[in-house]
PDB file of all heavy atoms in Angstrom:
ATOM      1  N   PRO A   1       0.815  -1.326   0.071  1.00  0.00           N
ATOM      2  CA  PRO A   1       0.001   0.048  -0.025  1.00  0.00           C
ATOM      3  C   PRO A   1       1.014   1.293   0.071  1.00  0.00           C
ATOM      4  O   PRO A   1       0.435   2.281  -0.465  1.00  0.00           O
ATOM      5  CB  PRO A   1      -0.888  -0.026   1.208  1.00  0.00           C
ATOM      6  CG  PRO A   1      -0.168  -1.116   2.019  1.00  0.00           C
ATOM      7  CD  PRO A   1       0.493  -2.045   1.121  1.00  0.00           C
ATOM      8  N   ALA A   2       2.036   1.290   0.685  1.00  0.00           N
ATOM      9  CA  ALA A   2       2.989   2.447   0.626  1.00  0.00           C
ATOM     10  C   ALA A   2       3.179   2.844  -0.786  1.00  0.00           C
ATOM     11  O   ALA A   2       3.289   3.947  -1.108  1.00  0.00           O
ATOM     12  CB  ALA A   2       4.066   2.255   1.504  1.00  0.00           C
ATOM     13  N   ALA A   3       3.590   1.808  -1.605  1.00  0.00           N
ATOM     14  CA  ALA A   3       3.916   2.019  -3.035  1.00  0.00           C
ATOM     15  C   ALA A   3       2.841   2.714  -3.680  1.00  0.00           C
ATOM     16  O   ALA A   3       2.977   3.589  -4.626  1.00  0.00           O
ATOM     17  CB  ALA A   3       4.534   0.858  -3.639  1.00  0.00           C
ATOM     18  N   LEU A   4       1.599   2.263  -3.533  1.00  0.00           N
ATOM     19  CA  LEU A   4       0.438   2.747  -4.187  1.00  0.00           C
ATOM     20  C   LEU A   4       0.264   4.240  -3.680  1.00  0.00           C
ATOM     21  O   LEU A   4      -0.026   5.097  -4.706  1.00  0.00           O
ATOM     22  CB  LEU A   4      -0.743   1.892  -3.861  1.00  0.00           C
ATOM     23  CG  LEU A   4      -2.086   2.411  -4.360  1.00  0.00           C
ATOM     24  CD1 LEU A   4      -2.150   2.599  -5.781  1.00  0.00           C
ATOM     25  CD2 LEU A   4      -3.185   1.645  -3.744  1.00  0.00           C
ATOM     26  N   LEU A   5       0.441   4.482  -2.544  1.00  0.00           N
ATOM     27  CA  LEU A   5       0.255   5.842  -2.028  1.00  0.00           C
ATOM     28  C   LEU A   5       1.336   6.853  -2.670  1.00  0.00           C
ATOM     29  O   LEU A   5       1.023   7.984  -3.117  1.00  0.00           O
ATOM     30  CB  LEU A   5       0.311   5.857  -0.536  1.00  0.00           C
ATOM     31  CG  LEU A   5      -0.779   5.265   0.230  1.00  0.00           C
ATOM     32  CD1 LEU A   5      -0.695   5.449   1.714  1.00  0.00           C
ATOM     33  CD2 LEU A   5      -2.155   6.042  -0.115  1.00  0.00           C
ATOM     34  N   ARG A   6       2.525   6.270  -2.732  1.00  0.00           N
ATOM     35  CA  ARG A   6       3.496   7.189  -3.327  1.00  0.00           C
ATOM     36  C   ARG A   6       3.247   7.467  -4.820  1.00  0.00           C
ATOM     37  O   ARG A   6       3.397   8.574  -5.361  1.00  0.00           O
ATOM     38  CB  ARG A   6       5.045   6.439  -3.278  1.00  0.00           C
ATOM     39  CG  ARG A   6       5.558   6.270  -1.992  1.00  0.00           C
ATOM     40  CD  ARG A   6       7.041   5.854  -2.027  1.00  0.00           C
ATOM     41  NE  ARG A   6       7.128   4.467  -2.542  1.00  0.00           N
ATOM     42  CZ  ARG A   6       7.227   3.520  -1.836  1.00  0.00           C
ATOM     43  NH1 ARG A   6       7.016   3.617  -0.466  1.00  0.00           N
ATOM     44  NH2 ARG A   6       7.471   2.369  -2.286  1.00  0.00           N
ATOM     45  N   ALA A   7       2.711   6.388  -5.579  1.00  0.00           N
ATOM     46  CA  ALA A   7       2.271   6.580  -7.018  1.00  0.00           C
ATOM     47  C   ALA A   7       1.170   7.646  -7.066  1.00  0.00           C
ATOM     48  O   ALA A   7       1.106   8.560  -7.911  1.00  0.00           O
ATOM     49  CB  ALA A   7       1.901   5.355  -7.589  1.00  0.00           C
ATOM     50  N   LEU A   8       0.153   7.659  -6.113  1.00  0.00           N
ATOM     51  CA  LEU A   8      -0.929   8.563  -6.175  1.00  0.00           C
ATOM     52  C   LEU A   8      -0.424   9.893  -5.772  1.00  0.00           C
ATOM     53  O   LEU A   8      -0.966  10.960  -6.456  1.00  0.00           O
ATOM     54  CB  LEU A   8      -1.982   8.134  -5.104  1.00  0.00           C
ATOM     55  CG  LEU A   8      -2.751   6.760  -5.503  1.00  0.00           C
ATOM     56  CD1 LEU A   8      -3.565   6.365  -4.303  1.00  0.00           C
ATOM     57  CD2 LEU A   8      -3.578   6.987  -6.714  1.00  0.00           C
ATOM     58  N   ALA A   9       0.540  10.074  -5.022  1.00  0.00           N
ATOM     59  CA  ALA A   9       1.080  11.404  -4.611  1.00  0.00           C
ATOM     60  C   ALA A   9       1.790  11.910  -5.905  1.00  0.00           C
ATOM     61  O   ALA A   9       1.642  13.146  -6.120  1.00  0.00           O
ATOM     62  CB  ALA A   9       2.057  11.359  -3.442  1.00  0.00           C
ATOM     63  N   ASP A  10       2.496  11.132  -6.625  1.00  0.00           N
ATOM     64  CA  ASP A  10       3.162  11.550  -7.799  1.00  0.00           C
ATOM     65  C   ASP A  10       2.181  12.063  -8.933  1.00  0.00           C
ATOM     66  O   ASP A  10       2.637  12.847  -9.773  1.00  0.00           O
ATOM     67  CB  ASP A  10       4.023  10.408  -8.366  1.00  0.00           C
ATOM     68  CG  ASP A  10       5.299  10.067  -7.469  1.00  0.00           C
ATOM     69  OD1 ASP A  10       5.662  11.019  -6.765  1.00  0.00           O
ATOM     70  OD2 ASP A  10       5.857   9.055  -7.703  1.00  0.00           O
ATOM     71  N   LEU A  11       1.068  11.523  -8.869  1.00  0.00           N
ATOM     72  CA  LEU A  11       0.016  11.805  -9.845  1.00  0.00           C
ATOM     73  C   LEU A  11      -0.737  13.163  -9.621  1.00  0.00           C
ATOM     74  O   LEU A  11      -1.268  13.766 -10.521  1.00  0.00           O
ATOM     75  CB  LEU A  11      -1.032  10.744  -9.963  1.00  0.00           C
ATOM     76  CG  LEU A  11      -0.630   9.540 -10.782  1.00  0.00           C
ATOM     77  CD1 LEU A  11      -1.407   8.342 -10.283  1.00  0.00           C
ATOM     78  CD2 LEU A  11      -0.787   9.645 -12.265  1.00  0.00           C
ATOM     79  N   LEU A  12      -0.557  13.748  -8.320  1.00  0.00           N
ATOM     80  CA  LEU A  12      -1.318  14.862  -7.993  1.00  0.00           C
ATOM     81  C   LEU A  12      -0.427  16.046  -8.299  1.00  0.00           C
ATOM     82  O   LEU A  12       0.726  16.083  -8.019  1.00  0.00           O
ATOM     83  CB  LEU A  12      -1.559  14.804  -6.542  1.00  0.00           C
ATOM     84  CG  LEU A  12      -2.762  13.948  -6.186  1.00  0.00           C
ATOM     85  CD1 LEU A  12      -2.800  13.805  -4.563  1.00  0.00           C
ATOM     86  CD2 LEU A  12      -4.148  14.411  -6.648  1.00  0.00           C
ATOM     87  N   ARG A  13      -1.021  17.204  -8.685  1.00  0.00           N
ATOM     88  CA  ARG A  13      -0.476  18.447  -8.813  1.00  0.00           C
ATOM     89  C   ARG A  13      -0.210  18.965  -7.527  1.00  0.00           C
ATOM     90  O   ARG A  13      -0.824  18.561  -6.458  1.00  0.00           O
ATOM     91  CB  ARG A  13      -1.295  19.512  -9.512  1.00  0.00           C
ATOM     92  CG  ARG A  13      -1.693  18.957 -11.015  1.00  0.00           C
ATOM     93  CD  ARG A  13      -2.513  20.159 -11.678  1.00  0.00           C
ATOM     94  NE  ARG A  13      -2.627  19.737 -13.166  1.00  0.00           N
ATOM     95  CZ  ARG A  13      -3.891  19.357 -13.686  1.00  0.00           C
ATOM     96  NH1 ARG A  13      -4.846  19.385 -12.872  1.00  0.00           N
ATOM     97  NH2 ARG A  13      -3.861  19.048 -14.883  1.00  0.00           N
ATOM     98  N   PRO A  14       0.806  19.899  -7.292  1.00  0.00           N
ATOM     99  CA  PRO A  14       1.021  20.555  -6.016  1.00  0.00           C
ATOM    100  C   PRO A  14      -0.290  21.268  -5.507  1.00  0.00           C
ATOM    101  O   PRO A  14      -1.010  21.786  -6.253  1.00  0.00           O
ATOM    102  CB  PRO A  14       2.038  21.612  -6.191  1.00  0.00           C
ATOM    103  CG  PRO A  14       2.858  21.094  -7.517  1.00  0.00           C
ATOM    104  CD  PRO A  14       1.769  20.326  -8.198  1.00  0.00           C
ATOM    105  N   GLY A  15      -0.624  20.867  -4.275  1.00  0.00           N
ATOM    106  CA  GLY A  15      -1.951  21.305  -3.708  1.00  0.00           C
ATOM    107  C   GLY A  15      -3.054  20.416  -4.062  1.00  0.00           C
ATOM    108  O   GLY A  15      -4.245  20.723  -3.577  1.00  0.00           O
ATOM    109  N   GLY A  16      -2.788  19.356  -4.700  1.00  0.00           N
ATOM    110  CA  GLY A  16      -3.902  18.453  -4.988  1.00  0.00           C
ATOM    111  C   GLY A  16      -4.351  17.646  -3.770  1.00  0.00           C
ATOM    112  O   GLY A  16      -3.714  17.555  -2.693  1.00  0.00           O
ATOM    113  N   ALA A  17      -5.465  17.101  -3.900  1.00  0.00           N
ATOM    114  CA  ALA A  17      -6.174  16.246  -2.848  1.00  0.00           C
ATOM    115  C   ALA A  17      -6.309  14.783  -3.099  1.00  0.00           C
ATOM    116  O   ALA A  17      -6.476  14.371  -4.262  1.00  0.00           O
ATOM    117  CB  ALA A  17      -7.520  16.838  -2.589  1.00  0.00           C
ATOM    118  N   LEU A  18      -6.079  14.069  -2.099  1.00  0.00           N
ATOM    119  CA  LEU A  18      -6.115  12.542  -2.154  1.00  0.00           C
ATOM    120  C   LEU A  18      -7.228  12.077  -1.314  1.00  0.00           C
ATOM    121  O   LEU A  18      -7.195  12.478   0.025  1.00  0.00           O
ATOM    122  CB  LEU A  18      -4.825  11.896  -1.862  1.00  0.00           C
ATOM    123  CG  LEU A  18      -4.807  10.340  -1.571  1.00  0.00           C
ATOM    124  CD1 LEU A  18      -5.201   9.597  -2.952  1.00  0.00           C
ATOM    125  CD2 LEU A  18      -3.458   9.895  -1.264  1.00  0.00           C
ATOM    126  N   VAL A  19      -8.225  11.308  -1.805  1.00  0.00           N
ATOM    127  CA  VAL A  19      -9.349  10.867  -0.922  1.00  0.00           C
ATOM    128  C   VAL A  19      -9.242   9.289  -0.879  1.00  0.00           C
ATOM    129  O   VAL A  19      -9.120   8.594  -1.910  1.00  0.00           O
ATOM    130  CB  VAL A  19     -10.679  11.225  -1.407  1.00  0.00           C
ATOM    131  CG1 VAL A  19     -11.820  10.627  -0.474  1.00  0.00           C
ATOM    132  CG2 VAL A  19     -10.946  12.728  -1.453  1.00  0.00           C
ATOM    133  N   LEU A  20      -9.178   8.669   0.293  1.00  0.00           N
ATOM    134  CA  LEU A  20      -9.094   7.282   0.565  1.00  0.00           C
ATOM    135  C   LEU A  20     -10.185   6.828   1.440  1.00  0.00           C
ATOM    136  O   LEU A  20     -10.829   7.525   2.231  1.00  0.00           O
ATOM    137  CB  LEU A  20      -7.695   6.964   1.230  1.00  0.00           C
ATOM    138  CG  LEU A  20      -6.415   7.576   0.495  1.00  0.00           C
ATOM    139  CD1 LEU A  20      -5.336   7.635   1.648  1.00  0.00           C
ATOM    140  CD2 LEU A  20      -5.980   6.468  -0.478  1.00  0.00           C
ATOM    141  N   SER A  21     -10.469   5.554   1.121  1.00  0.00           N
ATOM    142  CA  SER A  21     -11.272   4.778   2.205  1.00  0.00           C
ATOM    143  C   SER A  21     -10.776   3.328   2.377  1.00  0.00           C
ATOM    144  O   SER A  21     -10.292   2.729   1.252  1.00  0.00           O
ATOM    145  CB  SER A  21     -12.780   4.760   1.778  1.00  0.00           C
ATOM    146  OG  SER A  21     -12.948   3.836   0.615  1.00  0.00           O
ATOM    147  N   THR A  22     -10.793   2.903   3.466  1.00  0.00           N
ATOM    148  CA  THR A  22     -10.237   1.558   3.721  1.00  0.00           C
ATOM    149  C   THR A  22     -10.754   1.097   5.090  1.00  0.00           C
ATOM    150  O   THR A  22     -11.762   1.756   5.616  1.00  0.00           O
ATOM    151  CB  THR A  22      -8.696   1.622   3.752  1.00  0.00           C
ATOM    152  OG1 THR A  22      -8.248   0.243   3.883  1.00  0.00           O
ATOM    153  CG2 THR A  22      -8.135   2.385   5.050  1.00  0.00           C
ATOM    154  N   LEU A  23     -10.242  -0.101   5.460  1.00  0.00           N
ATOM    155  CA  LEU A  23     -10.810  -0.680   6.738  1.00  0.00           C
ATOM    156  C   LEU A  23      -9.893  -0.628   7.850  1.00  0.00           C
ATOM    157  O   LEU A  23      -8.515  -0.882   7.619  1.00  0.00           O
ATOM    158  CB  LEU A  23     -11.323  -2.070   6.486  1.00  0.00           C
ATOM    159  CG  LEU A  23     -12.491  -2.210   5.725  1.00  0.00           C
ATOM    160  CD1 LEU A  23     -12.521  -3.574   4.880  1.00  0.00           C
ATOM    161  CD2 LEU A  23     -13.656  -2.215   6.642  1.00  0.00           C
ATOM    162  N   ASN A  24     -10.100  -0.314   9.023  1.00  0.00           N
ATOM    163  CA  ASN A  24      -9.230  -0.189  10.228  1.00  0.00           C
ATOM    164  C   ASN A  24      -8.993  -1.781  10.736  1.00  0.00           C
ATOM    165  O   ASN A  24      -9.873  -2.568  10.602  1.00  0.00           O
ATOM    166  CB  ASN A  24      -9.924   0.603  11.316  1.00  0.00           C
ATOM    167  CG  ASN A  24      -8.888   1.046  12.319  1.00  0.00           C
ATOM    168  OD1 ASN A  24      -7.799   0.529  12.404  1.00  0.00           O
ATOM    169  ND2 ASN A  24      -9.200   2.031  13.208  1.00  0.00           N
ATOM    170  N   ARG A  25      -7.822  -1.903  11.192  1.00  0.00           N
ATOM    171  CA  ARG A  25      -7.449  -3.172  11.739  1.00  0.00           C
ATOM    172  C   ARG A  25      -7.737  -3.365  13.130  1.00  0.00           C
ATOM    173  O   ARG A  25      -6.847  -3.135  14.042  1.00  0.00           O
ATOM    174  CB  ARG A  25      -5.954  -3.538  11.494  1.00  0.00           C
ATOM    175  CG  ARG A  25      -5.609  -5.101  11.510  1.00  0.00           C
ATOM    176  CD  ARG A  25      -4.348  -5.422  11.001  1.00  0.00           C
ATOM    177  NE  ARG A  25      -3.193  -4.830  11.851  1.00  0.00           N
ATOM    178  CZ  ARG A  25      -2.424  -3.724  11.496  1.00  0.00           C
ATOM    179  NH1 ARG A  25      -2.649  -3.181  10.306  1.00  0.00           N
ATOM    180  NH2 ARG A  25      -1.465  -3.411  12.184  1.00  0.00           N
ATOM    181  N   THR A  26      -9.075  -3.520  13.430  1.00  0.00           N
ATOM    182  CA  THR A  26      -9.507  -3.673  14.841  1.00  0.00           C
ATOM    183  C   THR A  26     -10.583  -4.930  14.899  1.00  0.00           C
ATOM    184  O   THR A  26     -10.848  -5.395  13.854  1.00  0.00           O
ATOM    185  CB  THR A  26     -10.374  -2.376  15.067  1.00  0.00           C
ATOM    186  OG1 THR A  26     -11.489  -2.472  14.204  1.00  0.00           O
ATOM    187  CG2 THR A  26      -9.641  -1.216  14.957  1.00  0.00           C
ATOM    188  N   PRO A  27     -10.688  -5.393  16.180  1.00  0.00           N
ATOM    189  CA  PRO A  27     -11.590  -6.469  16.329  1.00  0.00           C
ATOM    190  C   PRO A  27     -13.058  -6.119  15.699  1.00  0.00           C
ATOM    191  O   PRO A  27     -13.688  -7.008  15.133  1.00  0.00           O
ATOM    192  CB  PRO A  27     -11.665  -6.712  17.808  1.00  0.00           C
ATOM    193  CG  PRO A  27     -10.376  -6.173  18.316  1.00  0.00           C
ATOM    194  CD  PRO A  27     -10.070  -4.942  17.417  1.00  0.00           C
ATOM    195  N   GLN A  28     -13.418  -4.816  15.852  1.00  0.00           N
ATOM    196  CA  GLN A  28     -14.712  -4.381  15.467  1.00  0.00           C
ATOM    197  C   GLN A  28     -14.847  -4.616  13.963  1.00  0.00           C
ATOM    198  O   GLN A  28     -15.875  -5.105  13.344  1.00  0.00           O
ATOM    199  CB  GLN A  28     -14.967  -2.925  15.834  1.00  0.00           C
ATOM    200  CG  GLN A  28     -15.186  -2.758  17.273  1.00  0.00           C
ATOM    201  CD  GLN A  28     -13.798  -2.436  17.817  1.00  0.00           C
ATOM    202  OE1 GLN A  28     -12.777  -2.752  17.527  1.00  0.00           O
ATOM    203  NE2 GLN A  28     -13.846  -1.412  18.827  1.00  0.00           N
TER     204      GLN A  28
END
């Protein structure tokens, strides 16, 4: 996932926004 986030950061213009959704690693 870290490599994916680096690629997404590279794709953004300065000042760009990244929106993510995922699942927390919790018992719930």
